[in-house]
């Protein structure tokens, strides 16, 4: 079984997991995210903006939450498969992209 970094219940009361394999993928591309694990959880639980499902991409949802410092948004992309949510990627961005 895949190691789980964390599992949270999101704003819509669905479970979302971040696996260690996906976390390694995120950190390889965005190493600065290493210190934002708690903020990622908060983004999933209490997003300021939740977009989805995105029909063109299947059952993907975008979660956004503003961070005062460093004055950016945390972005988390989640895929739902068989009723379970999985973090695909997460990083910071200057503005919300619809």
PDB file of N, CA and C in Angstrom:
ATOM      1  N   UNK A   1       0.827  -1.179   0.000  1.00  0.00           N
ATOM      2  CA  UNK A   1       0.000   0.000   0.000  1.00  0.00           C
ATOM      3  C   UNK A   1       0.877   1.250   0.000  1.00  0.00           C
ATOM      4  N   UNK A   2       0.372   2.291  -0.628  1.00  0.00           N
ATOM      5  CA  UNK A   2       1.105   3.542  -0.724  1.00  0.00           C
ATOM      6  C   UNK A   2       1.119   4.270   0.613  1.00  0.00           C
ATOM      7  N   UNK A   3       2.276   4.822   0.964  1.00  0.00           N
ATOM      8  CA  UNK A   3       2.383   5.612   2.191  1.00  0.00           C
ATOM      9  C   UNK A   3       1.600   6.907   2.029  1.00  0.00           C
ATOM     10  N   UNK A   4       0.917   7.298   3.077  1.00  0.00           N
ATOM     11  CA  UNK A   4       0.106   8.507   3.074  1.00  0.00           C
ATOM     12  C   UNK A   4       0.821   9.595   3.877  1.00  0.00           C
ATOM     13  N   UNK A   5       1.033  10.766   3.282  1.00  0.00           N
ATOM     14  CA  UNK A   5       1.617  11.907   3.986  1.00  0.00           C
ATOM     15  C   UNK A   5       0.546  12.506   4.891  1.00  0.00           C
ATOM     16  N   UNK A   6      -0.659  12.706   4.332  1.00  0.00           N
ATOM     17  CA  UNK A   6      -1.791  13.131   5.144  1.00  0.00           C
ATOM     18  C   UNK A   6      -3.088  12.802   4.425  1.00  0.00           C
ATOM     19  N   UNK A   7      -4.148  12.809   5.222  1.00  0.00           N
ATOM     20  CA  UNK A   7      -5.496  12.628   4.705  1.00  0.00           C
ATOM     21  C   UNK A   7      -6.378  13.628   5.439  1.00  0.00           C
ATOM     22  N   UNK A   8      -7.180  14.392   4.696  1.00  0.00           N
ATOM     23  CA  UNK A   8      -8.072  15.376   5.300  1.00  0.00           C
ATOM     24  C   UNK A   8      -9.465  15.224   4.698  1.00  0.00           C
ATOM     25  N   UNK A   9     -10.429  15.793   5.370  1.00  0.00           N
ATOM     26  CA  UNK A   9     -11.791  15.883   4.839  1.00  0.00           C
ATOM     27  C   UNK A   9     -11.947  17.310   4.337  1.00  0.00           C
ATOM     28  N   UNK A  10     -12.291  17.445   3.054  1.00  0.00           N
ATOM     29  CA  UNK A  10     -12.350  18.771   2.459  1.00  0.00           C
ATOM     30  C   UNK A  10     -13.654  19.497   2.759  1.00  0.00           C
ATOM     31  N   UNK A  11     -13.805  20.669   2.179  1.00  0.00           N
ATOM     32  CA  UNK A  11     -14.979  21.511   2.393  1.00  0.00           C
ATOM     33  C   UNK A  11     -16.276  20.797   2.028  1.00  0.00           C
ATOM     34  N   UNK A  12     -16.228  19.890   1.059  1.00  0.00           N
ATOM     35  CA  UNK A  12     -17.426  19.174   0.607  1.00  0.00           C
ATOM     36  C   UNK A  12     -17.599  17.842   1.331  1.00  0.00           C
ATOM     37  N   UNK A  13     -16.812  17.642   2.402  1.00  0.00           N
ATOM     38  CA  UNK A  13     -16.868  16.452   3.240  1.00  0.00           C
ATOM     39  C   UNK A  13     -16.416  15.171   2.534  1.00  0.00           C
ATOM     40  N   UNK A  14     -15.474  15.336   1.615  1.00  0.00           N
ATOM     41  CA  UNK A  14     -14.865  14.176   0.952  1.00  0.00           C
ATOM     42  C   UNK A  14     -13.425  14.028   1.418  1.00  0.00           C
ATOM     43  N   UNK A  15     -12.973  12.783   1.518  1.00  0.00           N
ATOM     44  CA  UNK A  15     -11.585  12.519   1.923  1.00  0.00           C
ATOM     45  C   UNK A  15     -10.646  12.784   0.752  1.00  0.00           C
ATOM     46  N   UNK A  16      -9.532  13.432   1.095  1.00  0.00           N
ATOM     47  CA  UNK A  16      -8.475  13.687   0.121  1.00  0.00           C
ATOM     48  C   UNK A  16      -7.165  13.240   0.733  1.00  0.00           C
ATOM     49  N   UNK A  17      -6.368  12.535  -0.062  1.00  0.00           N
ATOM     50  CA  UNK A  17      -5.060  12.034   0.395  1.00  0.00           C
ATOM     51  C   UNK A  17      -3.934  12.665  -0.395  1.00  0.00           C
ATOM     52  N   UNK A  18      -2.820  12.830   0.296  1.00  0.00           N
ATOM     53  CA  UNK A  18      -1.566  13.152  -0.362  1.00  0.00           C
ATOM     54  C   UNK A  18      -0.643  11.978  -0.091  1.00  0.00           C
ATOM     55  N   UNK A  19      -0.264  11.274  -1.136  1.00  0.00           N
ATOM     56  CA  UNK A  19       0.627  10.115  -0.979  1.00  0.00           C
ATOM     57  C   UNK A  19       2.079  10.574  -0.974  1.00  0.00           C
ATOM     58  N   UNK A  20       2.937   9.761  -0.393  1.00  0.00           N
ATOM     59  CA  UNK A  20       4.357  10.107  -0.347  1.00  0.00           C
ATOM     60  C   UNK A  20       4.938  10.171  -1.760  1.00  0.00           C
ATOM     61  N   UNK A  21       4.474   9.331  -2.660  1.00  0.00           N
ATOM     62  CA  UNK A  21       4.962   9.358  -4.038  1.00  0.00           C
ATOM     63  C   UNK A  21       4.619  10.695  -4.704  1.00  0.00           C
ATOM     64  N   UNK A  22       3.393  11.165  -4.507  1.00  0.00           N
ATOM     65  CA  UNK A  22       2.987  12.427  -5.114  1.00  0.00           C
ATOM     66  C   UNK A  22       3.669  13.609  -4.433  1.00  0.00           C
ATOM     67  N   UNK A  23       3.876  13.518  -3.129  1.00  0.00           N
ATOM     68  CA  UNK A  23       4.577  14.576  -2.393  1.00  0.00           C
ATOM     69  C   UNK A  23       6.004  14.715  -2.906  1.00  0.00           C
ATOM     70  N   UNK A  24       6.674  13.609  -3.166  1.00  0.00           N
ATOM     71  CA  UNK A  24       8.031  13.650  -3.729  1.00  0.00           C
ATOM     72  C   UNK A  24       8.016  14.319  -5.095  1.00  0.00           C
ATOM     73  N   UNK A  25       6.991  14.017  -5.890  1.00  0.00           N
ATOM     74  CA  UNK A  25       6.837  14.639  -7.207  1.00  0.00           C
ATOM     75  C   UNK A  25       6.672  16.156  -7.066  1.00  0.00           C
ATOM     76  N   UNK A  26       5.832  16.588  -6.136  1.00  0.00           N
ATOM     77  CA  UNK A  26       5.606  18.019  -5.899  1.00  0.00           C
ATOM     78  C   UNK A  26       6.911  18.682  -5.487  1.00  0.00           C
ATOM     79  N   UNK A  27       7.626  18.089  -4.536  1.00  0.00           N
ATOM     80  CA  UNK A  27       8.842  18.706  -4.019  1.00  0.00           C
ATOM     81  C   UNK A  27       9.967  18.731  -5.044  1.00  0.00           C
ATOM     82  N   UNK A  28       9.957  17.797  -5.959  1.00  0.00           N
ATOM     83  CA  UNK A  28      10.964  17.801  -7.022  1.00  0.00           C
ATOM     84  C   UNK A  28      10.764  19.020  -7.919  1.00  0.00           C
ATOM     85  N   UNK A  29       9.515  19.351  -8.204  1.00  0.00           N
ATOM     86  CA  UNK A  29       9.199  20.478  -9.088  1.00  0.00           C
ATOM     87  C   UNK A  29       9.091  21.810  -8.335  1.00  0.00           C
ATOM     88  N   UNK A  30       8.666  21.748  -7.077  1.00  0.00           N
ATOM     89  CA  UNK A  30       8.432  22.960  -6.279  1.00  0.00           C
ATOM     90  C   UNK A  30       8.990  22.759  -4.870  1.00  0.00           C
ATOM     91  N   UNK A  31      10.309  22.707  -4.714  1.00  0.00           N
ATOM     92  CA  UNK A  31      10.905  22.380  -3.406  1.00  0.00           C
ATOM     93  C   UNK A  31      10.513  23.340  -2.285  1.00  0.00           C
ATOM     94  N   UNK A  32      10.186  24.573  -2.599  1.00  0.00           N
ATOM     95  CA  UNK A  32       9.790  25.551  -1.583  1.00  0.00           C
ATOM     96  C   UNK A  32       8.500  25.147  -0.859  1.00  0.00           C
ATOM     97  N   UNK A  33       7.714  24.237  -1.450  1.00  0.00           N
ATOM     98  CA  UNK A  33       6.449  23.812  -0.838  1.00  0.00           C
ATOM     99  C   UNK A  33       6.661  22.936   0.390  1.00  0.00           C
ATOM    100  N   UNK A  34       7.884  22.493   0.633  1.00  0.00           N
ATOM    101  CA  UNK A  34       8.187  21.611   1.756  1.00  0.00           C
ATOM    102  C   UNK A  34       7.688  22.171   3.090  1.00  0.00           C
ATOM    103  N   UNK A  35       7.757  23.486   3.257  1.00  0.00           N
ATOM    104  CA  UNK A  35       7.355  24.093   4.530  1.00  0.00           C
ATOM    105  C   UNK A  35       5.891  24.517   4.554  1.00  0.00           C
ATOM    106  N   UNK A  36       5.097  24.104   3.569  1.00  0.00           N
ATOM    107  CA  UNK A  36       3.697  24.517   3.477  1.00  0.00           C
ATOM    108  C   UNK A  36       2.705  23.366   3.613  1.00  0.00           C
ATOM    109  N   UNK A  37       3.107  22.283   4.222  1.00  0.00           N
ATOM    110  CA  UNK A  37       2.208  21.131   4.361  1.00  0.00           C
ATOM    111  C   UNK A  37       0.919  21.491   5.112  1.00  0.00           C
ATOM    112  N   UNK A  38       1.029  22.224   6.200  1.00  0.00           N
ATOM    113  CA  UNK A  38      -0.172  22.611   6.960  1.00  0.00           C
ATOM    114  C   UNK A  38      -1.071  23.537   6.148  1.00  0.00           C
ATOM    115  N   UNK A  39      -0.471  24.444   5.387  1.00  0.00           N
ATOM    116  CA  UNK A  39      -1.249  25.358   4.555  1.00  0.00           C
ATOM    117  C   UNK A  39      -1.976  24.614   3.437  1.00  0.00           C
ATOM    118  N   UNK A  40      -1.382  23.549   2.943  1.00  0.00           N
ATOM    119  CA  UNK A  40      -2.042  22.719   1.920  1.00  0.00           C
ATOM    120  C   UNK A  40      -3.285  22.075   2.524  1.00  0.00           C
ATOM    121  N   UNK A  41      -3.148  21.540   3.720  1.00  0.00           N
ATOM    122  CA  UNK A  41      -4.303  20.940   4.407  1.00  0.00           C
ATOM    123  C   UNK A  41      -5.403  21.982   4.603  1.00  0.00           C
ATOM    124  N   UNK A  42      -5.022  23.173   5.058  1.00  0.00           N
ATOM    125  CA  UNK A  42      -5.985  24.244   5.278  1.00  0.00           C
ATOM    126  C   UNK A  42      -6.670  24.658   3.973  1.00  0.00           C
ATOM    127  N   UNK A  43      -5.936  24.651   2.898  1.00  0.00           N
ATOM    128  CA  UNK A  43      -6.508  24.993   1.592  1.00  0.00           C
ATOM    129  C   UNK A  43      -7.581  23.993   1.203  1.00  0.00           C
ATOM    130  N   UNK A  44      -7.351  22.732   1.480  1.00  0.00           N
ATOM    131  CA  UNK A  44      -8.336  21.701   1.158  1.00  0.00           C
ATOM    132  C   UNK A  44      -9.560  21.787   2.067  1.00  0.00           C
ATOM    133  N   UNK A  45      -9.340  22.094   3.332  1.00  0.00           N
ATOM    134  CA  UNK A  45     -10.449  22.153   4.284  1.00  0.00           C
ATOM    135  C   UNK A  45     -11.247  23.443   4.177  1.00  0.00           C
ATOM    136  N   UNK A  46     -10.547  24.554   3.931  1.00  0.00           N
ATOM    137  CA  UNK A  46     -11.187  25.875   3.945  1.00  0.00           C
ATOM    138  C   UNK A  46     -10.737  26.724   2.749  1.00  0.00           C
ATOM    139  N   UNK A  47     -11.008  26.277   1.540  1.00  0.00           N
ATOM    140  CA  UNK A  47     -10.556  27.050   0.379  1.00  0.00           C
ATOM    141  C   UNK A  47     -11.313  28.373   0.253  1.00  0.00           C
ATOM    142  N   UNK A  48     -10.632  29.370  -0.265  1.00  0.00           N
ATOM    143  CA  UNK A  48     -11.310  30.628  -0.581  1.00  0.00           C
ATOM    144  C   UNK A  48     -12.034  30.496  -1.914  1.00  0.00           C
ATOM    145  N   UNK A  49     -11.529  29.625  -2.762  1.00  0.00           N
ATOM    146  CA  UNK A  49     -12.150  29.358  -4.057  1.00  0.00           C
ATOM    147  C   UNK A  49     -11.998  27.877  -4.366  1.00  0.00           C
ATOM    148  N   UNK A  50     -13.096  27.280  -4.803  1.00  0.00           N
ATOM    149  CA  UNK A  50     -13.103  25.870  -5.191  1.00  0.00           C
ATOM    150  C   UNK A  50     -13.745  25.796  -6.565  1.00  0.00           C
ATOM    151  N   UNK A  51     -13.008  25.273  -7.534  1.00  0.00           N
ATOM    152  CA  UNK A  51     -13.485  25.184  -8.909  1.00  0.00           C
ATOM    153  C   UNK A  51     -13.521  23.722  -9.316  1.00  0.00           C
ATOM    154  N   UNK A  52     -14.663  23.276  -9.828  1.00  0.00           N
ATOM    155  CA  UNK A  52     -14.744  21.911 -10.315  1.00  0.00           C
ATOM    156  C   UNK A  52     -16.159  21.392 -10.231  1.00  0.00           C
ATOM    157  N   UNK A  53     -16.429  20.246 -10.795  1.00  0.00           N
ATOM    158  CA  UNK A  53     -15.470  19.462 -11.579  1.00  0.00           C
ATOM    159  C   UNK A  53     -15.203  20.121 -12.920  1.00  0.00           C
ATOM    160  N   UNK A  54     -13.990  19.962 -13.393  1.00  0.00           N
ATOM    161  CA  UNK A  54     -13.600  20.516 -14.674  1.00  0.00           C
ATOM    162  C   UNK A  54     -13.869  19.458 -15.737  1.00  0.00           C
ATOM    163  N   UNK A  55     -14.880  19.673 -16.519  1.00  0.00           N
ATOM    164  CA  UNK A  55     -15.361  18.681 -17.491  1.00  0.00           C
ATOM    165  C   UNK A  55     -14.279  18.269 -18.493  1.00  0.00           C
ATOM    166  N   UNK A  56     -13.477  19.241 -18.935  1.00  0.00           N
ATOM    167  CA  UNK A  56     -12.454  18.931 -19.927  1.00  0.00           C
ATOM    168  C   UNK A  56     -11.329  18.059 -19.381  1.00  0.00           C
ATOM    169  N   UNK A  57     -11.180  18.034 -18.069  1.00  0.00           N
ATOM    170  CA  UNK A  57     -10.108  17.244 -17.446  1.00  0.00           C
ATOM    171  C   UNK A  57     -10.624  16.061 -16.636  1.00  0.00           C
ATOM    172  N   UNK A  58     -11.914  15.795 -16.699  1.00  0.00           N
ATOM    173  CA  UNK A  58     -12.459  14.706 -15.900  1.00  0.00           C
ATOM    174  C   UNK A  58     -12.844  15.198 -14.524  1.00  0.00           C
ATOM    175  N   UNK A  59     -12.648  14.415 -13.525  1.00  0.00           N
ATOM    176  CA  UNK A  59     -13.060  14.769 -12.167  1.00  0.00           C
ATOM    177  C   UNK A  59     -11.936  15.427 -11.392  1.00  0.00           C
ATOM    178  N   UNK A  60     -11.506  16.570 -11.880  1.00  0.00           N
ATOM    179  CA  UNK A  60     -10.472  17.352 -11.226  1.00  0.00           C
ATOM    180  C   UNK A  60     -11.091  18.579 -10.587  1.00  0.00           C
ATOM    181  N   UNK A  61     -10.563  18.946  -9.412  1.00  0.00           N
ATOM    182  CA  UNK A  61     -11.009  20.135  -8.702  1.00  0.00           C
ATOM    183  C   UNK A  61      -9.795  20.990  -8.375  1.00  0.00           C
ATOM    184  N   UNK A  62      -9.986  22.314  -8.426  1.00  0.00           N
ATOM    185  CA  UNK A  62      -8.934  23.264  -8.075  1.00  0.00           C
ATOM    186  C   UNK A  62      -9.307  23.940  -6.757  1.00  0.00           C
ATOM    187  N   UNK A  63      -8.385  23.933  -5.816  1.00  0.00           N
ATOM    188  CA  UNK A  63      -8.560  24.576  -4.514  1.00  0.00           C
ATOM    189  C   UNK A  63      -7.551  25.727  -4.403  1.00  0.00           C
ATOM    190  N   UNK A  64      -8.025  26.865  -3.903  1.00  0.00           N
ATOM    191  CA  UNK A  64      -7.157  28.030  -3.736  1.00  0.00           C
ATOM    192  C   UNK A  64      -7.349  28.633  -2.353  1.00  0.00           C
ATOM    193  N   UNK A  65      -6.242  29.122  -1.789  1.00  0.00           N
ATOM    194  CA  UNK A  65      -6.320  29.860  -0.519  1.00  0.00           C
ATOM    195  C   UNK A  65      -5.186  30.879  -0.501  1.00  0.00           C
ATOM    196  N   UNK A  66      -5.537  32.086  -0.102  1.00  0.00           N
ATOM    197  CA  UNK A  66      -4.558  33.175  -0.066  1.00  0.00           C
ATOM    198  C   UNK A  66      -3.675  33.090   1.168  1.00  0.00           C
ATOM    199  N   UNK A  67      -2.376  33.328   0.959  1.00  0.00           N
ATOM    200  CA  UNK A  67      -1.398  33.399   2.050  1.00  0.00           C
ATOM    201  C   UNK A  67      -0.867  34.825   2.126  1.00  0.00           C
ATOM    202  N   UNK A  68      -1.003  35.448   3.276  1.00  0.00           N
ATOM    203  CA  UNK A  68      -0.485  36.818   3.426  1.00  0.00           C
ATOM    204  C   UNK A  68       1.010  36.867   3.177  1.00  0.00           C
ATOM    205  N   UNK A  69       1.682  35.901   3.725  1.00  0.00           N
ATOM    206  CA  UNK A  69       3.120  35.821   3.512  1.00  0.00           C
ATOM    207  C   UNK A  69       3.380  34.468   2.873  1.00  0.00           C
ATOM    208  N   UNK A  70       3.751  34.447   1.655  1.00  0.00           N
ATOM    209  CA  UNK A  70       4.471  35.410   0.824  1.00  0.00           C
ATOM    210  C   UNK A  70       3.597  36.182  -0.173  1.00  0.00           C
ATOM    211  N   UNK A  71       2.383  36.552   0.179  1.00  0.00           N
ATOM    212  CA  UNK A  71       1.498  37.315  -0.693  1.00  0.00           C
ATOM    213  C   UNK A  71       1.206  36.545  -1.992  1.00  0.00           C
ATOM    214  N   UNK A  72       0.816  35.307  -1.828  1.00  0.00           N
ATOM    215  CA  UNK A  72       0.514  34.437  -2.971  1.00  0.00           C
ATOM    216  C   UNK A  72      -0.622  33.501  -2.576  1.00  0.00           C
ATOM    217  N   UNK A  73      -1.109  32.772  -3.558  1.00  0.00           N
ATOM    218  CA  UNK A  73      -2.135  31.763  -3.326  1.00  0.00           C
ATOM    219  C   UNK A  73      -1.510  30.384  -3.324  1.00  0.00           C
ATOM    220  N   UNK A  74      -2.016  29.536  -2.442  1.00  0.00           N
ATOM    221  CA  UNK A  74      -1.699  28.107  -2.523  1.00  0.00           C
ATOM    222  C   UNK A  74      -2.715  27.525  -3.496  1.00  0.00           C
ATOM    223  N   UNK A  75      -2.235  26.752  -4.435  1.00  0.00           N
ATOM    224  CA  UNK A  75      -3.083  26.067  -5.412  1.00  0.00           C
ATOM    225  C   UNK A  75      -2.915  24.572  -5.191  1.00  0.00           C
ATOM    226  N   UNK A  76      -4.037  23.843  -5.124  1.00  0.00           N
ATOM    227  CA  UNK A  76      -3.991  22.384  -4.986  1.00  0.00           C
ATOM    228  C   UNK A  76      -4.919  21.795  -6.041  1.00  0.00           C
ATOM    229  N   UNK A  77      -4.392  20.900  -6.851  1.00  0.00           N
ATOM    230  CA  UNK A  77      -5.181  20.194  -7.848  1.00  0.00           C
ATOM    231  C   UNK A  77      -5.465  18.788  -7.328  1.00  0.00           C
ATOM    232  N   UNK A  78      -6.752  18.434  -7.296  1.00  0.00           N
ATOM    233  CA  UNK A  78      -7.182  17.140  -6.751  1.00  0.00           C
ATOM    234  C   UNK A  78      -7.948  16.381  -7.822  1.00  0.00           C
ATOM    235  N   UNK A  79      -7.694  15.093  -7.903  1.00  0.00           N
ATOM    236  CA  UNK A  79      -8.452  14.220  -8.798  1.00  0.00           C
ATOM    237  C   UNK A  79      -9.275  13.258  -7.946  1.00  0.00           C
ATOM    238  N   UNK A  80     -10.523  13.095  -8.344  1.00  0.00           N
ATOM    239  CA  UNK A  80     -11.399  12.135  -7.672  1.00  0.00           C
ATOM    240  C   UNK A  80     -11.537  10.893  -8.545  1.00  0.00           C
ATOM    241  N   UNK A  81     -11.330   9.755  -7.926  1.00  0.00           N
ATOM    242  CA  UNK A  81     -11.421   8.474  -8.613  1.00  0.00           C
ATOM    243  C   UNK A  81     -12.128   7.510  -7.681  1.00  0.00           C
ATOM    244  N   UNK A  82     -13.250   6.972  -8.140  1.00  0.00           N
ATOM    245  CA  UNK A  82     -14.047   6.054  -7.326  1.00  0.00           C
ATOM    246  C   UNK A  82     -14.396   6.636  -5.963  1.00  0.00           C
ATOM    247  N   UNK A  83     -14.726   7.917  -5.960  1.00  0.00           N
ATOM    248  CA  UNK A  83     -15.156   8.572  -4.726  1.00  0.00           C
ATOM    249  C   UNK A  83     -14.041   9.015  -3.797  1.00  0.00           C
ATOM    250  N   UNK A  84     -12.780   8.775  -4.167  1.00  0.00           N
ATOM    251  CA  UNK A  84     -11.649   9.167  -3.331  1.00  0.00           C
ATOM    252  C   UNK A  84     -10.872  10.284  -4.008  1.00  0.00           C
ATOM    253  N   UNK A  85     -10.422  11.264  -3.201  1.00  0.00           N
ATOM    254  CA  UNK A  85      -9.657  12.379  -3.729  1.00  0.00           C
ATOM    255  C   UNK A  85      -8.168  12.200  -3.493  1.00  0.00           C
ATOM    256  N   UNK A  86      -7.390  12.576  -4.511  1.00  0.00           N
ATOM    257  CA  UNK A  86      -5.938  12.467  -4.450  1.00  0.00           C
ATOM    258  C   UNK A  86      -5.312  13.771  -4.914  1.00  0.00           C
ATOM    259  N   UNK A  87      -4.367  14.294  -4.144  1.00  0.00           N
ATOM    260  CA  UNK A  87      -3.643  15.488  -4.556  1.00  0.00           C
ATOM    261  C   UNK A  87      -2.751  15.107  -5.729  1.00  0.00           C
ATOM    262  N   UNK A  88      -2.905  15.859  -6.822  1.00  0.00           N
ATOM    263  CA  UNK A  88      -2.076  15.646  -8.012  1.00  0.00           C
ATOM    264  C   UNK A  88      -0.848  16.546  -7.947  1.00  0.00           C
ATOM    265  N   UNK A  89      -1.076  17.824  -7.630  1.00  0.00           N
ATOM    266  CA  UNK A  89       0.034  18.759  -7.473  1.00  0.00           C
ATOM    267  C   UNK A  89      -0.408  19.914  -6.599  1.00  0.00           C
ATOM    268  N   UNK A  90       0.560  20.667  -6.130  1.00  0.00           N
ATOM    269  CA  UNK A  90       0.308  21.871  -5.349  1.00  0.00           C
ATOM    270  C   UNK A  90       1.502  22.796  -5.506  1.00  0.00           C
ATOM    271  N   UNK A  91       1.209  24.080  -5.606  1.00  0.00           N
ATOM    272  CA  UNK A  91       2.259  25.088  -5.702  1.00  0.00           C
ATOM    273  C   UNK A  91       1.651  26.444  -5.401  1.00  0.00           C
ATOM    274  N   UNK A  92       2.484  27.485  -5.448  1.00  0.00           N
ATOM    275  CA  UNK A  92       2.006  28.830  -5.183  1.00  0.00           C
ATOM    276  C   UNK A  92       1.875  29.592  -6.493  1.00  0.00           C
ATOM    277  N   UNK A  93       0.921  30.534  -6.523  1.00  0.00           N
ATOM    278  CA  UNK A  93       0.731  31.366  -7.698  1.00  0.00           C
ATOM    279  C   UNK A  93       0.319  32.774  -7.256  1.00  0.00           C
ATOM    280  N   UNK A  94       0.545  33.739  -8.131  1.00  0.00           N
ATOM    281  CA  UNK A  94       0.228  35.131  -7.801  1.00  0.00           C
ATOM    282  C   UNK A  94      -1.259  35.418  -7.821  1.00  0.00           C
ATOM    283  N   UNK A  95      -1.977  34.819  -8.757  1.00  0.00           N
ATOM    284  CA  UNK A  95      -3.409  35.084  -8.918  1.00  0.00           C
ATOM    285  C   UNK A  95      -4.158  33.787  -9.144  1.00  0.00           C
ATOM    286  N   UNK A  96      -5.446  33.809  -8.816  1.00  0.00           N
ATOM    287  CA  UNK A  96      -6.302  32.658  -9.082  1.00  0.00           C
ATOM    288  C   UNK A  96      -6.556  32.566 -10.571  1.00  0.00           C
ATOM    289  N   UNK A  97      -6.397  31.360 -11.121  1.00  0.00           N
ATOM    290  CA  UNK A  97      -6.716  31.109 -12.522  1.00  0.00           C
ATOM    291  C   UNK A  97      -7.985  30.283 -12.568  1.00  0.00           C
ATOM    292  N   UNK A  98      -8.950  30.747 -13.274  1.00  0.00           N
ATOM    293  CA  UNK A  98     -10.244  30.074 -13.341  1.00  0.00           C
ATOM    294  C   UNK A  98     -10.121  28.932 -14.283  1.00  0.00           C
TER     295      UNK A  98
END
